[in-house]
Amino acid sequence: MAAGESFYIATPIFYVNDVPHIGHAYTEVAADLLARWHRQAGDDTWLLTGTDEHGQKILRTAVANDTTPKAWADKLVADAWQPLLKTIEIANDDFIRTTDKRHEEGVLVFLQKLYDDGFIYSGEYEGYYCVGCEEYKQLDDLMETENGDYAGQQVCKIHGRPVEILKEKNYFFRMSDFQQRLLDLYESQPDFIQPESVRNEIIQFVKQGLDDLSISRSSFDWGITIPWDDSHVLYVWFDALLNYITAIGYGADMENFERRWPAVQLVGKDIARFHAVIWPAMLMAAELPVPKRVFGHGWLLVGGEKMSKSKLTGIAPEQITETFGADAFRYYFMRAISFGQDGSFSWEDLSARYQAELANGFGNLASRVIAMVTRYRDGVIPAPGAYEPADEAIFATARDVAAGADAAIERFAINEALAVIWNLVDELNGYITIQEPWALSKDPEKAERLNTVLFTVVRGLGTLAVLLAPVIPTASAKLWAALGGDGAVDAQDIRAAFDWEGGPNVTPLESSLFPRIEQVVAAE
């Protein structure tokens, strides 16, 4: 995309029935990395995240903990969800809560428009309801268990818990009216849903036919009251999806709304159907643009199962960051997993990548380069002499890496972008081994050649600091400062990272960017 364009990216808003685990953090880091990259590219960037606080599950959780839903949500947001963002260094521009006044007011404007335009009607509905998903389920969404506490019962395939049969008088959204328009959207914009596996699944689902959507509940009262019928509250998903536009001013500040919208929606694949079917249908009904893209990333698996608090497979992010740090957390999950596919987490893989790629690969490179400039040139970054083919090859790699990583980010291929960047790490390490600056330093006649070698590696290291700022912000900032970089590293043009030519001098690093961790951490 051209510099200066709007890049608005939103994470799903997370349900506050429990504390966050690394599955939630994975989504946050991916969105944050993409937002940071686009900010450094000069795009008009906005990153939204937040919490979903209405619905039956929250009500039941609050009652079970002897408190009110709002008090429960307030505590979880303050004690768990907002601290998560600091733990993993998320630079979000906004944090929306569905209990915010601005959200509720925007929802009412949207809802009233759909009602006035004839897209909402009253009716009766009976079906299988999963409280965990806050969703009515079709039969193919269920399975019958043979063993355990729920043997012989129909359970939700996602949560593994029994569904309830609900029969209610509800208000319905005429979603069936939008079946063909959705299919036309998917065909005319092939990249609207990504990756391809999620796109194919969504298309097949819509082709089977869409039912109208029940959008209200009268059996409980924790939610936004339907404006024309105060005996009903709005269905939690219909409420929650609207956060993406209420947060940027829909119904209140339309100038800002039009500046930001439409957004890139980054979601887990299990909720892609809500975002790629229900959400665009809602927007079409309200005569608003659909999202730019819906990207349904894969699951984090532990022991072959999706991360889940209810199944006791949830791992808290701080269990990792307390040992490895936030930068390593961010790097590992963005590098080790093909973004868009499921990926397995293991402590052993995390530890191995930390040692090989961060400590030995990148961290050791940074320490060696700064130490050599300090030792051989008293910390002054030398002017280069004549370039040799080996030096030109490093410059060409830096240029190619910057372009290749940017192209991968445009495709949301985050892990590919990091693999491309690491080509420069590996080439710089190999270049130092071959050029042997320690040997050059012993021969006064090769002083100019040593200057060129040192300048070449400093410039390459500066390129890495700029390119890696969205991924490992703390380490990149430390490295940039040590290299004498002008201004903040995250203010540098990431698409021109290879143009940086160094500051006047280096400052020794107080410690390694990624200190070695002697022991493999085992799951508690």
Protein backbone atom coordinates (compact mmCIF):
# COMPACT_ATOMS: atom_id res chain seq x y z
CA MET A 1 0.00 0.00 0.00
CA ALA A 2 1.10 3.58 -0.60
CA ALA A 3 2.53 5.48 2.38
CA GLY A 4 0.00 7.67 4.15
CA GLU A 5 -3.05 5.48 3.50
CA SER A 6 -5.33 4.47 6.35
CA PHE A 7 -4.41 1.20 8.01
CA TYR A 8 -6.94 0.39 10.70
CA ILE A 9 -6.51 -3.03 12.28
CA ALA A 10 -8.70 -4.49 15.00
CA THR A 11 -8.28 -7.55 17.16
CA PRO A 12 -11.39 -9.37 18.30
CA ILE A 13 -12.55 -8.05 21.63
CA PHE A 14 -11.94 -10.68 24.24
CA TYR A 15 -14.49 -12.16 26.57
CA VAL A 16 -13.89 -11.30 30.24
CA ASN A 17 -15.18 -14.50 31.76
CA ASP A 18 -11.59 -15.44 32.66
CA VAL A 19 -7.98 -14.27 32.53
CA PRO A 20 -6.01 -14.20 29.25
CA HIS A 21 -3.76 -17.00 28.04
CA ILE A 22 -1.09 -17.09 25.33
CA GLY A 23 -3.72 -17.75 22.64
CA HIS A 24 -5.12 -14.27 23.29
CA ALA A 25 -1.62 -12.80 23.45
CA TYR A 26 -0.76 -14.40 20.10
CA THR A 27 -3.54 -12.46 18.38
CA GLU A 28 -2.56 -9.24 20.14
CA VAL A 29 1.10 -9.52 19.16
CA ALA A 30 0.28 -10.25 15.51
CA ALA A 31 -2.00 -7.23 15.27
CA ASP A 32 0.52 -5.05 17.10
CA LEU A 33 3.38 -6.13 14.83
CA LEU A 34 1.33 -5.32 11.72
CA ALA A 35 0.29 -1.96 13.15
CA ARG A 36 3.86 -1.05 14.16
CA TRP A 37 5.14 -1.97 10.71
CA HIS A 38 2.57 0.23 8.99
CA ARG A 39 3.25 3.12 11.39
CA GLN A 40 6.94 2.94 10.50
CA ALA A 41 5.98 2.91 6.83
CA GLY A 42 4.19 6.24 7.28
CA ASP A 43 0.63 4.91 7.05
CA ASP A 44 -2.25 6.48 8.98
CA THR A 45 -2.36 3.60 11.45
CA TRP A 46 -4.85 2.72 14.19
CA LEU A 47 -4.82 -0.38 16.38
CA LEU A 48 -7.95 -1.25 18.34
CA THR A 49 -8.38 -3.93 20.96
CA GLY A 50 -10.70 -4.33 23.92
CA THR A 51 -13.11 -6.49 25.86
CA ASP A 52 -16.54 -8.02 25.32
CA GLU A 53 -18.49 -7.76 28.58
CA HIS A 54 -22.15 -8.59 27.96
CA GLY A 55 -23.96 -11.89 27.58
CA GLN A 56 -25.15 -14.90 29.54
CA LYS A 57 -21.71 -16.39 30.15
CA ILE A 58 -20.48 -13.24 31.89
CA LEU A 59 -23.66 -13.07 33.95
CA ARG A 60 -23.29 -16.69 35.09
CA THR A 61 -19.59 -16.28 35.83
CA ALA A 62 -20.26 -13.16 37.91
CA VAL A 63 -23.06 -14.84 39.87
CA ALA A 64 -20.83 -17.87 40.49
CA ASN A 65 -18.23 -15.49 41.94
CA ASP A 66 -20.80 -13.69 44.09
CA THR A 67 -20.56 -10.35 42.31
CA THR A 68 -22.28 -8.29 39.61
CA PRO A 69 -21.41 -8.60 35.90
CA LYS A 70 -20.07 -5.02 35.74
CA ALA A 71 -17.96 -5.45 38.88
CA TRP A 72 -16.61 -8.73 37.51
CA ALA A 73 -15.75 -7.11 34.17
CA ASP A 74 -14.14 -4.09 35.84
CA LYS A 75 -11.91 -6.32 37.94
CA LEU A 76 -10.85 -8.58 35.07
CA VAL A 77 -10.11 -5.65 32.78
CA ALA A 78 -8.06 -3.81 35.43
CA ASP A 79 -6.27 -6.85 36.87
CA ALA A 80 -5.76 -9.04 33.79
CA TRP A 81 -6.64 -7.72 30.34
CA GLN A 82 -5.08 -4.27 30.37
CA PRO A 83 -1.93 -5.53 32.17
CA LEU A 84 -1.58 -8.15 29.41
CA LEU A 85 -1.00 -5.36 26.90
CA LYS A 86 1.91 -4.05 28.98
CA THR A 87 3.32 -7.53 29.56
CA ILE A 88 3.72 -8.17 25.82
CA GLU A 89 4.32 -4.53 24.81
CA ILE A 90 1.21 -3.84 22.77
CA ALA A 91 1.12 -0.27 21.43
CA ASN A 92 -2.63 -0.06 20.90
CA ASP A 93 -4.22 3.27 20.01
CA ASP A 94 -7.53 2.53 21.72
CA PHE A 95 -9.12 0.07 24.11
CA ILE A 96 -12.89 -0.40 23.76
CA ARG A 97 -15.19 -2.00 26.31
CA THR A 98 -18.73 -2.96 25.34
CA THR A 99 -19.88 -1.40 28.61
CA ASP A 100 -18.45 1.98 27.50
CA LYS A 101 -21.09 4.67 27.02
CA ARG A 102 -19.68 5.52 23.57
CA HIS A 103 -20.15 1.93 22.46
CA GLU A 104 -23.68 1.55 23.79
CA GLU A 105 -24.76 4.82 22.20
CA GLY A 106 -23.31 3.84 18.81
CA VAL A 107 -24.98 0.43 19.00
CA LEU A 108 -28.38 2.04 19.58
CA VAL A 109 -27.94 4.29 16.53
CA PHE A 110 -27.01 1.30 14.36
CA LEU A 111 -29.79 -0.89 15.72
CA GLN A 112 -32.47 1.73 15.27
CA LYS A 113 -31.44 2.28 11.64
CA LEU A 114 -31.76 -1.42 10.83
CA TYR A 115 -35.13 -1.55 12.57
CA ASP A 116 -36.41 1.54 10.78
CA ASP A 117 -35.24 0.17 7.43
CA GLY A 118 -37.09 -3.11 7.93
CA PHE A 119 -34.15 -5.43 8.52
CA ILE A 120 -35.32 -6.47 12.02
CA TYR A 121 -38.57 -8.26 12.86
CA SER A 122 -40.01 -10.23 15.79
CA GLY A 123 -40.45 -14.00 15.82
CA GLU A 124 -39.95 -17.17 17.83
CA TYR A 125 -36.89 -19.37 17.83
CA GLU A 126 -35.98 -22.75 19.29
CA GLY A 127 -32.56 -24.30 19.01
CA TYR A 128 -29.41 -25.71 20.58
CA TYR A 129 -27.56 -22.95 22.42
CA CYS A 130 -23.93 -23.06 23.58
CA VAL A 131 -23.39 -20.64 26.43
CA GLY A 132 -19.62 -20.88 25.96
CA CYS A 133 -19.84 -19.68 22.35
CA GLU A 134 -22.91 -17.48 23.04
CA GLU A 135 -24.33 -18.94 19.84
CA TYR A 136 -27.13 -21.16 18.58
CA LYS A 137 -25.64 -24.30 17.06
CA GLN A 138 -26.55 -26.43 14.07
CA LEU A 139 -26.45 -30.21 14.40
CA ASP A 140 -23.15 -30.43 12.54
CA ASP A 141 -21.63 -28.11 15.16
CA LEU A 142 -22.38 -30.74 17.84
CA MET A 143 -21.17 -34.20 18.72
CA GLU A 144 -22.41 -36.90 21.07
CA THR A 145 -19.96 -37.92 23.76
CA GLU A 146 -19.45 -41.56 24.71
CA ASN A 147 -17.39 -41.15 27.87
CA GLY A 148 -16.93 -38.80 30.79
CA ASP A 149 -19.34 -36.58 32.67
CA TYR A 150 -21.40 -35.79 29.57
CA ALA A 151 -21.70 -39.29 28.11
CA GLY A 152 -24.68 -39.61 25.77
CA GLN A 153 -25.23 -35.84 25.57
CA GLN A 154 -24.90 -33.46 22.63
CA VAL A 155 -21.91 -31.21 23.27
CA CYS A 156 -20.38 -28.25 21.45
CA LYS A 157 -17.40 -29.35 19.33
CA ILE A 158 -15.43 -26.28 20.43
CA HIS A 159 -16.06 -26.31 24.17
CA GLY A 160 -16.89 -29.98 24.73
CA ARG A 161 -19.79 -29.01 27.02
CA PRO A 162 -23.50 -29.78 26.70
CA VAL A 163 -25.70 -27.34 24.80
CA GLU A 164 -29.04 -26.08 26.07
CA ILE A 165 -32.34 -26.15 24.20
CA LEU A 166 -33.73 -22.61 24.22
CA LYS A 167 -37.09 -21.42 22.98
CA GLU A 168 -37.61 -17.68 22.99
CA LYS A 169 -39.56 -14.89 21.37
CA ASN A 170 -36.78 -12.88 19.80
CA TYR A 171 -36.04 -10.17 17.32
CA PHE A 172 -34.40 -11.34 14.11
CA PHE A 173 -32.03 -9.76 11.61
CA ARG A 174 -32.89 -10.56 7.98
CA MET A 175 -29.49 -12.09 7.27
CA SER A 176 -30.93 -14.42 4.62
CA ASP A 177 -31.45 -11.35 2.42
CA PHE A 178 -27.69 -11.02 2.07
CA GLN A 179 -26.68 -14.52 0.96
CA GLN A 180 -26.08 -13.62 -2.69
CA ARG A 181 -24.50 -10.28 -1.88
CA LEU A 182 -22.03 -12.03 0.39
CA LEU A 183 -21.17 -14.62 -2.26
CA ASP A 184 -20.70 -11.80 -4.78
CA LEU A 185 -18.39 -10.06 -2.30
CA TYR A 186 -16.25 -13.17 -1.83
CA GLU A 187 -15.99 -13.63 -5.60
CA SER A 188 -15.22 -10.00 -6.45
CA GLN A 189 -12.67 -9.65 -3.62
CA PRO A 190 -10.80 -12.97 -3.41
CA ASP A 191 -8.58 -11.67 -0.59
CA PHE A 192 -11.52 -10.47 1.53
CA ILE A 193 -11.28 -13.66 3.62
CA GLN A 194 -7.88 -15.16 4.30
CA PRO A 195 -6.22 -17.60 4.47
CA GLU A 196 -7.59 -19.71 1.64
CA SER A 197 -8.66 -22.56 3.94
CA VAL A 198 -10.90 -20.22 5.95
CA ARG A 199 -12.21 -18.57 2.78
CA ASN A 200 -13.26 -21.91 1.31
CA GLU A 201 -15.00 -22.93 4.53
CA ILE A 202 -16.95 -19.65 4.70
CA ILE A 203 -18.04 -19.84 1.06
CA GLN A 204 -19.33 -23.38 1.51
CA PHE A 205 -21.20 -22.36 4.64
CA VAL A 206 -22.95 -19.46 2.91
CA LYS A 207 -23.77 -21.52 -0.19
CA GLN A 208 -25.72 -23.94 2.02
CA GLY A 209 -28.13 -21.10 2.75
CA LEU A 210 -28.38 -18.47 5.48
CA ASP A 211 -31.08 -18.31 8.12
CA ASP A 212 -32.19 -15.09 9.70
CA LEU A 213 -30.28 -14.34 12.88
CA SER A 214 -31.84 -14.14 16.33
CA ILE A 215 -30.46 -10.89 17.78
CA SER A 216 -32.18 -10.50 21.14
CA ARG A 217 -32.62 -12.36 24.42
CA SER A 218 -35.38 -11.99 26.99
CA SER A 219 -34.29 -14.69 29.47
CA PHE A 220 -31.66 -12.48 31.11
CA ASP A 221 -30.94 -8.76 31.33
CA TRP A 222 -27.15 -8.32 31.13
CA GLY A 223 -26.76 -6.52 27.82
CA ILE A 224 -27.78 -3.46 25.82
CA THR A 225 -31.53 -2.95 25.98
CA ILE A 226 -33.38 -3.06 22.66
CA PRO A 227 -34.48 0.59 22.19
CA TRP A 228 -38.05 -0.19 21.08
CA ASP A 229 -38.62 -3.09 23.54
CA ASP A 230 -37.03 -2.91 26.99
CA SER A 231 -37.94 -6.52 27.77
CA HIS A 232 -35.14 -7.67 25.42
CA VAL A 233 -31.38 -7.23 25.42
CA LEU A 234 -29.22 -7.39 22.32
CA TYR A 235 -27.55 -10.68 21.38
CA VAL A 236 -23.95 -10.44 22.57
CA TRP A 237 -22.36 -11.08 19.16
CA PHE A 238 -24.48 -8.44 17.41
CA ASP A 239 -23.43 -6.07 20.18
CA ALA A 240 -19.75 -7.03 20.16
CA LEU A 241 -19.17 -6.85 16.41
CA LEU A 242 -20.22 -3.22 16.41
CA ASN A 243 -17.24 -2.24 18.59
CA TYR A 244 -15.11 -1.92 15.46
CA ILE A 245 -17.12 1.09 14.34
CA THR A 246 -18.35 2.55 17.64
CA ALA A 247 -14.72 2.90 18.78
CA ILE A 248 -13.89 5.18 15.85
CA GLY A 249 -16.94 7.40 16.13
CA TYR A 250 -19.87 5.76 14.36
CA GLY A 251 -23.00 7.72 15.29
CA ALA A 252 -21.00 10.44 17.06
CA ASP A 253 -17.88 11.47 15.11
CA MET A 254 -18.53 10.49 11.52
CA GLU A 255 -15.50 12.43 10.26
CA ASN A 256 -13.16 10.19 12.25
CA PHE A 257 -15.22 7.14 11.33
CA GLU A 258 -14.82 7.90 7.63
CA ARG A 259 -11.10 8.55 8.10
CA ARG A 260 -10.50 5.13 9.67
CA TRP A 261 -13.08 2.73 8.30
CA PRO A 262 -12.91 0.11 6.80
CA ALA A 263 -10.68 -2.04 8.99
CA VAL A 264 -8.59 -5.15 8.70
CA GLN A 265 -10.19 -7.70 11.06
CA LEU A 266 -7.70 -10.08 12.66
CA VAL A 267 -9.49 -12.98 14.36
CA GLY A 268 -9.06 -16.60 15.39
CA LYS A 269 -10.40 -18.98 12.75
CA ASP A 270 -13.10 -20.25 15.13
CA ILE A 271 -14.83 -16.85 15.02
CA ALA A 272 -14.15 -16.09 11.36
CA ARG A 273 -17.77 -16.97 10.49
CA PHE A 274 -19.09 -14.15 12.66
CA HIS A 275 -16.70 -11.66 11.07
CA ALA A 276 -16.93 -12.81 7.45
CA VAL A 277 -20.67 -13.55 7.30
CA ILE A 278 -22.71 -11.83 10.02
CA TRP A 279 -20.57 -8.68 10.24
CA PRO A 280 -20.48 -7.75 6.53
CA ALA A 281 -24.21 -8.54 6.26
CA MET A 282 -24.88 -6.12 9.14
CA LEU A 283 -22.79 -3.44 7.45
CA MET A 284 -24.50 -3.96 4.11
CA ALA A 285 -27.88 -3.53 5.81
CA ALA A 286 -26.67 -0.25 7.35
CA GLU A 287 -25.29 0.90 3.98
CA LEU A 288 -21.73 0.98 5.29
CA PRO A 289 -18.52 -0.36 3.68
CA VAL A 290 -17.55 -3.92 4.58
CA PRO A 291 -14.12 -4.58 6.19
CA LYS A 292 -11.03 -4.48 3.99
CA ARG A 293 -10.10 -8.00 4.97
CA VAL A 294 -10.95 -10.71 7.48
CA PHE A 295 -7.93 -12.81 8.41
CA GLY A 296 -8.69 -15.94 10.46
CA HIS A 297 -5.44 -17.15 11.97
CA GLY A 298 -4.90 -20.66 13.27
CA TRP A 299 -5.03 -21.96 16.82
CA LEU A 300 -2.24 -22.32 19.30
CA LEU A 301 -2.12 -25.97 20.29
CA VAL A 302 -0.77 -27.42 23.53
CA GLY A 303 -0.49 -31.17 23.61
CA GLY A 304 -2.41 -31.29 20.33
CA GLU A 305 -5.42 -29.35 21.71
CA LYS A 306 -6.56 -25.76 21.26
CA MET A 307 -5.52 -23.49 24.10
CA SER A 308 -8.37 -23.46 26.63
CA LYS A 309 -8.82 -22.41 30.23
CA SER A 310 -11.76 -24.77 30.66
CA LYS A 311 -9.59 -27.71 29.55
CA LEU A 312 -6.70 -26.54 31.75
CA THR A 313 -4.38 -26.08 28.77
CA GLY A 314 -4.17 -22.31 29.14
CA ILE A 315 -0.70 -20.88 29.73
CA ALA A 316 -0.45 -17.35 31.11
CA PRO A 317 1.82 -15.04 29.05
CA GLU A 318 3.78 -14.02 32.13
CA GLN A 319 4.84 -17.64 32.64
CA ILE A 320 6.94 -17.08 29.51
CA THR A 321 7.86 -13.41 29.78
CA GLU A 322 9.16 -13.71 33.35
CA THR A 323 11.94 -15.98 32.07
CA PHE A 324 12.44 -15.06 28.41
CA GLY A 325 11.18 -11.46 28.28
CA ALA A 326 8.51 -9.80 26.13
CA ASP A 327 10.71 -9.47 23.04
CA ALA A 328 11.44 -13.19 22.95
CA PHE A 329 7.74 -13.95 23.50
CA ARG A 330 6.82 -11.76 20.54
CA TYR A 331 9.57 -13.12 18.30
CA TYR A 332 8.92 -16.76 19.07
CA PHE A 333 5.20 -16.81 18.32
CA MET A 334 5.57 -14.72 15.18
CA ARG A 335 8.50 -16.78 13.83
CA ALA A 336 7.74 -20.34 14.90
CA ILE A 337 4.18 -20.55 13.54
CA SER A 338 3.06 -20.12 9.94
CA PHE A 339 0.59 -17.30 10.36
CA GLY A 340 -2.85 -18.51 9.32
CA GLN A 341 -2.20 -22.14 10.27
CA ASP A 342 -2.41 -23.98 13.57
CA GLY A 343 0.82 -24.12 15.51
CA SER A 344 2.03 -26.13 18.47
CA PHE A 345 3.68 -24.47 21.44
CA SER A 346 6.38 -26.24 23.43
CA TRP A 347 8.78 -24.97 26.06
CA GLU A 348 11.61 -26.89 24.43
CA ASP A 349 11.09 -25.23 21.03
CA LEU A 350 10.84 -21.80 22.65
CA SER A 351 14.09 -22.36 24.55
CA ALA A 352 15.90 -23.74 21.50
CA ARG A 353 14.88 -20.82 19.27
CA TYR A 354 15.74 -18.31 21.96
CA GLN A 355 19.28 -19.70 22.25
CA ALA A 356 19.96 -20.30 18.57
CA GLU A 357 18.22 -17.38 16.88
CA LEU A 358 18.05 -14.59 19.47
CA ALA A 359 20.98 -15.13 21.85
CA ASN A 360 23.54 -16.76 19.52
CA GLY A 361 22.34 -15.37 16.19
CA PHE A 362 21.13 -11.80 16.60
CA GLY A 363 22.23 -10.89 20.14
CA ASN A 364 25.77 -12.16 19.70
CA LEU A 365 26.05 -10.37 16.34
CA ALA A 366 25.10 -7.06 17.95
CA SER A 367 27.54 -7.53 20.82
CA ARG A 368 30.42 -8.50 18.50
CA VAL A 369 29.93 -5.58 16.12
CA ILE A 370 29.74 -2.94 18.84
CA ALA A 371 32.66 -4.49 20.71
CA MET A 372 34.83 -4.48 17.55
CA VAL A 373 34.11 -0.82 16.76
CA THR A 374 34.84 0.03 20.40
CA ARG A 375 38.09 -1.98 20.48
CA TYR A 376 39.53 -1.17 17.03
CA ARG A 377 38.28 2.39 16.49
CA ASP A 378 37.61 3.69 20.02
CA GLY A 379 33.88 3.58 19.37
CA VAL A 380 33.97 5.86 16.33
CA ILE A 381 32.09 4.45 13.35
CA PRO A 382 34.68 4.74 10.55
CA ALA A 383 34.14 6.04 7.05
CA PRO A 384 34.40 3.21 4.54
CA GLY A 385 37.10 2.81 1.93
CA ALA A 386 36.63 1.13 -1.43
CA TYR A 387 33.90 -1.49 -1.47
CA GLU A 388 34.62 -5.07 -2.47
CA PRO A 389 32.07 -7.53 -3.87
CA ALA A 390 31.54 -9.04 -0.40
CA ASP A 391 30.53 -5.63 0.97
CA GLU A 392 28.26 -4.90 -1.98
CA ALA A 393 26.60 -8.28 -1.41
CA ILE A 394 25.70 -7.27 2.16
CA PHE A 395 24.18 -3.99 0.96
CA ALA A 396 22.20 -5.83 -1.72
CA THR A 397 20.95 -8.33 0.84
CA ALA A 398 19.84 -5.50 3.15
CA ARG A 399 17.89 -3.89 0.33
CA ASP A 400 16.32 -7.21 -0.76
CA VAL A 401 15.46 -8.13 2.83
CA ALA A 402 13.67 -4.83 3.46
CA ALA A 403 11.61 -5.22 0.27
CA GLY A 404 10.95 -8.91 0.80
CA ALA A 405 9.85 -8.50 4.41
CA ASP A 406 7.53 -5.63 3.49
CA ALA A 407 5.95 -7.70 0.72
CA ALA A 408 5.42 -10.59 3.17
CA ILE A 409 3.79 -8.25 5.70
CA GLU A 410 1.38 -7.04 3.00
CA ARG A 411 0.31 -10.70 2.64
CA PHE A 412 0.09 -11.11 6.44
CA ALA A 413 2.84 -13.72 6.12
CA ILE A 414 4.48 -12.59 9.35
CA ASN A 415 6.63 -15.69 9.84
CA GLU A 416 7.91 -15.35 6.26
CA ALA A 417 8.85 -11.72 6.89
CA LEU A 418 10.93 -12.75 9.89
CA ALA A 419 12.59 -15.57 7.96
CA VAL A 420 13.54 -13.04 5.26
CA ILE A 421 14.97 -10.61 7.83
CA TRP A 422 17.00 -13.41 9.39
CA ASN A 423 18.80 -13.87 6.07
CA LEU A 424 20.59 -10.61 6.88
CA VAL A 425 21.44 -11.81 10.41
CA ASP A 426 22.97 -14.98 8.98
CA GLU A 427 24.84 -13.16 6.18
CA LEU A 428 26.33 -10.63 8.57
CA ASN A 429 27.55 -13.39 10.87
CA GLY A 430 29.05 -15.21 7.88
CA TYR A 431 30.61 -12.01 6.54
CA ILE A 432 32.39 -11.35 9.84
CA THR A 433 33.72 -14.91 9.91
CA ILE A 434 35.13 -14.59 6.38
CA GLN A 435 36.47 -11.01 6.64
CA GLU A 436 38.18 -11.66 10.02
CA PRO A 437 38.28 -8.06 11.32
CA TRP A 438 40.39 -9.27 14.28
CA ALA A 439 43.10 -10.27 11.79
CA LEU A 440 42.76 -7.04 9.80
CA SER A 441 43.26 -5.04 13.00
CA LYS A 442 46.77 -6.47 13.39
CA ASP A 443 47.96 -5.18 10.01
CA PRO A 444 48.32 -1.38 9.76
CA GLU A 445 48.32 -1.62 5.96
CA LYS A 446 44.80 -3.01 6.11
CA ALA A 447 43.35 -0.21 8.21
CA GLU A 448 41.18 1.05 5.35
CA ARG A 449 39.84 -2.43 4.70
CA LEU A 450 39.00 -2.79 8.40
CA ASN A 451 37.15 0.54 8.25
CA THR A 452 35.05 -0.73 5.35
CA VAL A 453 34.26 -4.02 7.08
CA LEU A 454 33.27 -2.28 10.30
CA PHE A 455 31.13 0.26 8.47
CA THR A 456 29.44 -2.53 6.51
CA VAL A 457 28.46 -4.52 9.60
CA VAL A 458 27.34 -1.43 11.50
CA ARG A 459 25.13 -0.40 8.60
CA GLY A 460 23.70 -3.91 8.35
CA LEU A 461 23.04 -3.96 12.09
CA GLY A 462 21.24 -0.62 11.85
CA THR A 463 19.05 -2.04 9.09
CA LEU A 464 18.17 -4.93 11.39
CA ALA A 465 17.33 -2.59 14.27
CA VAL A 466 14.82 -0.73 12.07
CA LEU A 467 13.30 -3.86 10.52
CA LEU A 468 12.96 -5.64 13.86
CA ALA A 469 11.50 -2.70 15.80
CA PRO A 470 7.90 -3.92 15.24
CA VAL A 471 8.87 -7.39 16.45
CA ILE A 472 11.30 -6.89 19.33
CA PRO A 473 10.75 -3.22 20.26
CA THR A 474 12.83 -3.13 23.46
CA ALA A 475 15.93 -4.84 22.04
CA SER A 476 15.72 -2.80 18.82
CA ALA A 477 15.56 0.47 20.76
CA LYS A 478 18.61 -0.52 22.85
CA LEU A 479 20.54 -1.52 19.73
CA TRP A 480 19.58 1.65 17.84
CA ALA A 481 20.77 3.80 20.73
CA ALA A 482 24.03 1.83 20.97
CA LEU A 483 24.63 2.40 17.25
CA GLY A 484 24.20 6.16 17.64
CA GLY A 485 20.99 6.18 15.63
CA ASP A 486 19.26 9.53 15.30
CA GLY A 487 15.80 9.72 16.91
CA ALA A 488 13.66 6.76 17.95
CA VAL A 489 14.09 3.52 16.05
CA ASP A 490 10.33 3.16 15.58
CA ALA A 491 10.26 6.56 13.88
CA GLN A 492 12.51 5.33 11.04
CA ASP A 493 11.06 4.56 7.62
CA ILE A 494 10.90 0.79 7.62
CA ARG A 495 10.72 0.54 3.84
CA ALA A 496 14.03 2.41 3.60
CA ALA A 497 15.77 0.61 6.47
CA PHE A 498 18.77 -0.20 4.29
CA ASP A 499 19.55 3.52 3.70
CA TRP A 500 20.75 4.18 7.24
CA GLU A 501 24.48 4.85 7.38
CA GLY A 502 25.23 4.95 11.07
CA GLY A 503 25.77 7.59 13.70
CA PRO A 504 29.11 9.14 14.67
CA ASN A 505 29.96 6.53 17.25
CA VAL A 506 28.75 3.47 19.10
CA THR A 507 28.06 3.07 22.81
CA PRO A 508 28.85 -0.28 24.41
CA LEU A 509 25.81 -2.34 25.35
CA GLU A 510 25.44 -2.70 29.10
CA SER A 511 24.47 -6.34 28.61
CA SER A 512 23.61 -8.73 25.83
CA LEU A 513 20.30 -8.01 24.09
CA PHE A 514 19.32 -11.62 24.75
CA PRO A 515 21.26 -13.09 27.69
CA ARG A 516 21.75 -16.83 27.55
CA ILE A 517 19.31 -18.86 29.59
CA GLU A 518 21.07 -21.96 30.76
CA GLN A 519 18.12 -24.17 31.51
CA VAL A 520 15.22 -25.33 29.38
CA VAL A 521 11.99 -24.25 31.04
CA ALA A 522 9.49 -27.04 31.59
CA ALA A 523 5.75 -26.56 31.80
CA GLU A 524 4.59 -26.17 35.35
